[in-house]
Amino acid sequence: MSAQVQTHKASKAKRKPLKRYVTGLADRSFGTEATPGIVTTSVTLFGGEPGTGKSTFFLQLLQAIYALTERPGVFVSDESEAQVRDRAARLGVDARAVLVLKGEQIDREMLKRLKPSVIFDDRGRRTGLLDLIHRYRMLAQAEKTPFFIGWQMTKSEDFAGDVECQHAADTLLRMFLACEIQSADKRVHHPPRHRREQGAVSRFRVLSCLKARFGDGDSESYWLMGKNGLVPWQVPKPEGSARKAGGKRA
């Protein structure tokens, strides 16, 4: 799907429609079928264990948003700039699409100076999440810049920190590995850790939306991790479904 900027009419009520980035990457996770895309004043918590593909997904998202806006996105990480840019280059991301920051304060002055299209803060903080969400929300609303916060998950696969943090964020996304994805009439398999082979690499990723203030929430998209990044993957339909739905196959 080609990237496009899309503004939707919210309702018959007289209010300003929400501006969204429609990127072609999991747009349904942030909105609805009729109004997909990332709201430009939103704050998203993006959870997942290291190695699940959060950074890869976001770098691809930066490329798509750059195609929309011709403005770079900010990537804040504990990794060095060389590491981030090397990964971006391997994914084919335009170098102009990414501003890598390390240690710089994210405030309104910085946003006005750099004019980024989106912010991804993946510094792996362990404390202060609630205050960070509130601060980023004020900045997002003031400068019309969406914020993503990379966050670690607990052993029970919840976001680390107080449950109030989950209420404060606009969107909750979680990416995890899946050893197998069954047909569309069955649930996604996510076997316990002890059943995984040591050192085994899974190609499958599941992006699960647990909450979307500006959408339906409770949705999942499926991906394959390859040399050039994440590629959308369609869950296979059960055998015989085509016959049941439409009779004869073409």
Protein backbone atom coordinates (compact mmCIF):
# COMPACT_ATOMS: atom_id res chain seq x y z
CA MET A 1 0.00 0.00 0.00
CA SER A 2 1.42 3.37 -0.92
CA ALA A 3 1.84 5.85 1.91
CA GLN A 4 -0.60 8.72 2.04
CA VAL A 5 -1.73 11.41 4.44
CA GLN A 6 -5.36 10.89 5.32
CA THR A 7 -7.77 13.07 7.30
CA HIS A 8 -11.13 11.60 8.25
CA LYS A 9 -14.42 13.22 9.17
CA ALA A 10 -14.92 12.20 12.77
CA SER A 11 -18.71 12.62 12.88
CA LYS A 12 -21.53 14.99 12.04
CA ALA A 13 -20.68 16.94 15.19
CA LYS A 14 -18.74 20.13 14.60
CA ARG A 15 -15.24 19.23 15.68
CA LYS A 16 -11.87 19.12 14.01
CA PRO A 17 -11.09 15.75 12.40
CA LEU A 18 -8.05 13.87 13.66
CA LYS A 19 -5.03 14.04 11.42
CA ARG A 20 -3.43 10.65 10.87
CA TYR A 21 -0.38 9.17 9.18
CA VAL A 22 -1.56 6.35 6.93
CA THR A 23 1.67 4.50 6.21
CA GLY A 24 0.72 1.03 5.00
CA LEU A 25 2.29 -0.49 8.12
CA ALA A 26 -0.29 -1.85 10.60
CA ASP A 27 -2.53 1.21 10.13
CA ARG A 28 -5.48 -0.80 11.42
CA SER A 29 -3.73 -1.20 14.80
CA PHE A 30 -4.00 2.53 15.45
CA GLY A 31 -7.52 3.16 14.19
CA THR A 32 -10.52 1.51 12.59
CA GLU A 33 -11.20 0.03 9.21
CA ALA A 34 -12.79 3.34 8.15
CA THR A 35 -10.24 5.57 9.91
CA PRO A 36 -6.84 3.84 9.98
CA GLY A 37 -3.47 5.36 10.79
CA ILE A 38 -1.42 6.99 13.55
CA VAL A 39 -3.00 10.05 15.15
CA THR A 40 -0.40 12.83 15.13
CA THR A 41 -1.13 13.89 18.73
CA SER A 42 -0.94 10.38 20.22
CA VAL A 43 1.41 8.56 22.59
CA THR A 44 2.01 4.85 22.02
CA LEU A 45 3.62 2.34 24.37
CA PHE A 46 5.45 -0.23 22.24
CA GLY A 47 6.37 -3.32 24.24
CA GLY A 48 8.40 -6.40 23.45
CA GLU A 49 11.46 -8.32 24.50
CA PRO A 50 14.83 -7.45 22.94
CA GLY A 51 15.17 -9.00 19.51
CA THR A 52 11.47 -9.15 18.69
CA GLY A 53 11.72 -6.48 15.99
CA LYS A 54 10.53 -3.23 17.60
CA SER A 55 13.43 -1.20 16.22
CA THR A 56 13.09 -2.79 12.78
CA PHE A 57 9.38 -1.99 12.67
CA PHE A 58 9.95 1.58 13.72
CA LEU A 59 12.74 2.22 11.23
CA GLN A 60 10.44 1.00 8.47
CA LEU A 61 7.75 3.27 9.90
CA LEU A 62 10.17 6.22 9.76
CA GLN A 63 10.75 5.55 6.07
CA ALA A 64 7.00 5.49 5.37
CA ILE A 65 6.34 8.70 7.32
CA TYR A 66 9.28 10.41 5.62
CA ALA A 67 7.64 9.56 2.28
CA LEU A 68 4.54 11.37 3.54
CA THR A 69 6.07 14.43 5.10
CA GLU A 70 9.64 14.77 3.81
CA ARG A 71 10.54 15.32 7.47
CA PRO A 72 12.82 12.97 9.42
CA GLY A 73 11.77 11.07 12.50
CA VAL A 74 13.79 11.06 15.72
CA PHE A 75 15.17 7.76 16.99
CA VAL A 76 16.39 7.97 20.61
CA SER A 77 18.25 4.86 21.73
CA ASP A 78 20.91 3.54 24.06
CA GLU A 79 22.60 2.17 20.94
CA SER A 80 25.23 4.19 19.14
CA GLU A 81 24.32 6.24 16.08
CA ALA A 82 26.50 3.93 13.97
CA GLN A 83 24.52 0.87 15.09
CA VAL A 84 21.16 2.47 14.34
CA ARG A 85 22.27 3.80 10.96
CA ASP A 86 23.81 0.46 9.98
CA ARG A 87 20.52 -1.29 10.70
CA ALA A 88 18.60 1.39 8.81
CA ALA A 89 20.90 1.02 5.80
CA ARG A 90 20.40 -2.76 5.76
CA LEU A 91 16.64 -2.18 5.72
CA GLY A 92 16.95 0.25 2.82
CA VAL A 93 15.81 3.23 4.90
CA ASP A 94 16.75 6.61 3.46
CA ALA A 95 19.43 8.20 5.68
CA ARG A 96 17.49 11.47 5.55
CA ALA A 97 14.51 9.78 7.22
CA VAL A 98 16.29 9.19 10.53
CA LEU A 99 17.68 11.57 13.14
CA VAL A 100 19.56 9.57 15.78
CA LEU A 101 19.77 11.30 19.15
CA LYS A 102 21.54 10.15 22.28
CA GLY A 103 21.24 12.01 25.57
CA GLU A 104 19.48 15.09 24.18
CA GLN A 105 16.49 16.35 26.14
CA ILE A 106 13.24 15.94 24.25
CA ASP A 107 11.36 19.17 24.86
CA ARG A 108 9.37 21.73 22.91
CA GLU A 109 12.46 23.73 22.00
CA MET A 110 14.03 20.64 20.43
CA LEU A 111 10.84 19.83 18.53
CA LYS A 112 10.59 23.35 17.15
CA ARG A 113 14.24 23.27 16.12
CA LEU A 114 14.31 19.85 14.44
CA LYS A 115 10.66 19.66 13.32
CA PRO A 116 10.55 15.84 13.42
CA SER A 117 7.60 13.94 12.01
CA VAL A 118 7.58 11.35 14.82
CA ILE A 119 9.59 10.41 17.92
CA PHE A 120 10.65 6.93 19.04
CA ASP A 121 12.20 6.80 22.52
CA ASP A 122 13.70 3.35 23.04
CA ARG A 123 16.11 4.01 25.88
CA GLY A 124 14.78 1.20 28.06
CA ARG A 125 13.98 3.16 31.19
CA ARG A 126 12.89 1.12 34.20
CA THR A 127 11.18 3.90 36.16
CA GLY A 128 9.30 7.13 35.59
CA LEU A 129 7.08 5.83 32.80
CA LEU A 130 3.90 7.59 33.92
CA ASP A 131 5.57 11.01 34.13
CA LEU A 132 7.16 10.42 30.74
CA ILE A 133 3.80 9.59 29.13
CA HIS A 134 2.20 12.75 30.53
CA ARG A 135 5.10 14.92 29.38
CA TYR A 136 5.14 13.41 25.91
CA ARG A 137 1.38 13.81 25.58
CA MET A 138 1.67 17.56 26.19
CA LEU A 139 4.44 17.78 23.59
CA ALA A 140 2.51 15.63 21.10
CA GLN A 141 -0.57 17.81 21.36
CA ALA A 142 1.39 21.06 21.24
CA GLU A 143 3.53 20.17 18.21
CA LYS A 144 1.29 17.60 16.44
CA THR A 145 4.05 15.01 16.71
CA PRO A 146 3.25 11.39 17.64
CA PHE A 147 5.43 9.74 20.28
CA PHE A 148 6.35 6.07 20.65
CA ILE A 149 7.94 4.76 23.84
CA GLY A 150 9.74 1.43 23.67
CA TRP A 151 9.13 -0.53 26.87
CA GLN A 152 10.05 -3.87 28.34
CA MET A 153 7.46 -6.48 29.20
CA THR A 154 7.20 -8.42 32.47
CA LYS A 155 7.36 -12.22 32.65
CA SER A 156 3.56 -12.24 32.60
CA GLU A 157 3.74 -10.26 29.32
CA ASP A 158 2.40 -7.05 30.83
CA PHE A 159 3.99 -3.62 30.52
CA ALA A 160 6.44 -3.01 33.35
CA GLY A 161 5.24 -0.34 35.76
CA ASP A 162 1.96 0.74 37.26
CA VAL A 163 -1.25 -0.21 35.43
CA GLU A 164 -2.04 3.52 35.38
CA CYS A 165 0.60 3.84 32.66
CA GLN A 166 -1.50 1.64 30.40
CA HIS A 167 -4.52 3.88 30.97
CA ALA A 168 -2.47 7.03 30.31
CA ALA A 169 -1.12 5.91 26.92
CA ASP A 170 -3.31 6.28 23.85
CA THR A 171 -2.18 3.05 22.20
CA LEU A 172 -0.64 -0.15 23.58
CA LEU A 173 1.28 -2.28 21.09
CA ARG A 174 3.14 -5.49 21.79
CA MET A 175 5.38 -7.39 19.39
CA PHE A 176 6.31 -10.99 20.12
CA LEU A 177 7.82 -14.01 18.43
CA ALA A 178 5.62 -16.85 17.29
CA CYS A 179 7.01 -20.29 16.52
CA GLU A 180 3.98 -21.14 14.43
CA ILE A 181 0.92 -19.38 13.09
CA GLN A 182 -2.02 -21.62 12.39
CA SER A 183 -4.86 -21.10 9.95
CA ALA A 184 -7.33 -18.29 10.37
CA ASP A 185 -9.85 -20.38 12.30
CA LYS A 186 -7.43 -20.96 15.19
CA ARG A 187 -5.54 -18.77 17.62
CA VAL A 188 -1.92 -17.72 17.15
CA HIS A 189 0.44 -20.13 18.87
CA HIS A 190 2.94 -18.65 21.30
CA PRO A 191 4.51 -21.69 22.99
CA PRO A 192 6.14 -21.35 26.44
CA ARG A 193 9.82 -20.51 26.48
CA HIS A 194 10.88 -23.92 27.71
CA ARG A 195 9.46 -25.48 24.57
CA ARG A 196 11.65 -23.39 22.29
CA GLU A 197 14.88 -24.87 21.05
CA GLN A 198 18.00 -23.18 22.34
CA GLY A 199 19.19 -20.63 19.81
CA ALA A 200 16.25 -21.22 17.48
CA VAL A 201 15.27 -18.21 15.38
CA SER A 202 11.62 -17.61 14.59
CA ARG A 203 10.69 -15.81 11.39
CA PHE A 204 7.19 -14.99 12.60
CA ARG A 205 6.26 -11.83 14.47
CA VAL A 206 2.87 -10.88 15.84
CA LEU A 207 2.01 -7.22 16.40
CA SER A 208 -0.82 -7.10 18.89
CA CYS A 209 -2.81 -3.97 19.68
CA LEU A 210 -4.09 -4.18 23.25
CA LYS A 211 -5.64 -0.72 23.31
CA ALA A 212 -6.31 2.07 20.81
CA ARG A 213 -7.94 5.23 22.15
CA PHE A 214 -8.54 6.40 18.59
CA GLY A 215 -9.54 3.02 17.19
CA ASP A 216 -11.02 -0.37 17.94
CA GLY A 217 -8.06 -1.95 19.70
CA ASP A 218 -7.75 -5.69 20.26
CA SER A 219 -6.34 -6.42 16.80
CA GLU A 220 -3.36 -8.40 15.51
CA SER A 221 -1.20 -8.31 12.39
CA TYR A 222 1.29 -10.94 11.29
CA TRP A 223 4.77 -10.49 9.89
CA LEU A 224 7.75 -12.39 8.54
CA MET A 225 11.24 -11.19 9.48
CA GLY A 226 13.59 -11.34 6.53
CA LYS A 227 16.91 -9.84 5.46
CA ASN A 228 15.15 -6.65 4.37
CA GLY A 229 12.99 -6.29 7.46
CA LEU A 230 9.40 -7.11 8.32
CA VAL A 231 7.02 -8.18 5.58
CA PRO A 232 3.24 -8.49 6.13
CA TRP A 233 2.08 -12.11 6.19
CA GLN A 234 -1.45 -13.33 5.61
CA VAL A 235 -2.72 -16.06 7.89
CA PRO A 236 -3.64 -19.01 5.64
CA LYS A 237 -7.31 -19.82 5.38
CA PRO A 238 -8.50 -23.25 6.49
CA GLU A 239 -8.62 -25.88 3.76
CA GLY A 240 -12.02 -26.05 2.15
CA SER A 241 -12.99 -22.52 3.17
CA ALA A 242 -13.05 -21.37 -0.44
CA ARG A 243 -15.50 -24.12 -1.34
CA LYS A 244 -17.77 -23.25 1.58
CA ALA A 245 -17.69 -19.52 0.87
CA GLY A 246 -18.09 -19.51 -2.87
CA GLY A 247 -18.81 -23.02 -3.99
CA LYS A 248 -16.56 -23.86 -6.96
CA ARG A 249 -13.00 -22.63 -6.97
CA ALA A 250 -11.84 -20.46 -9.83
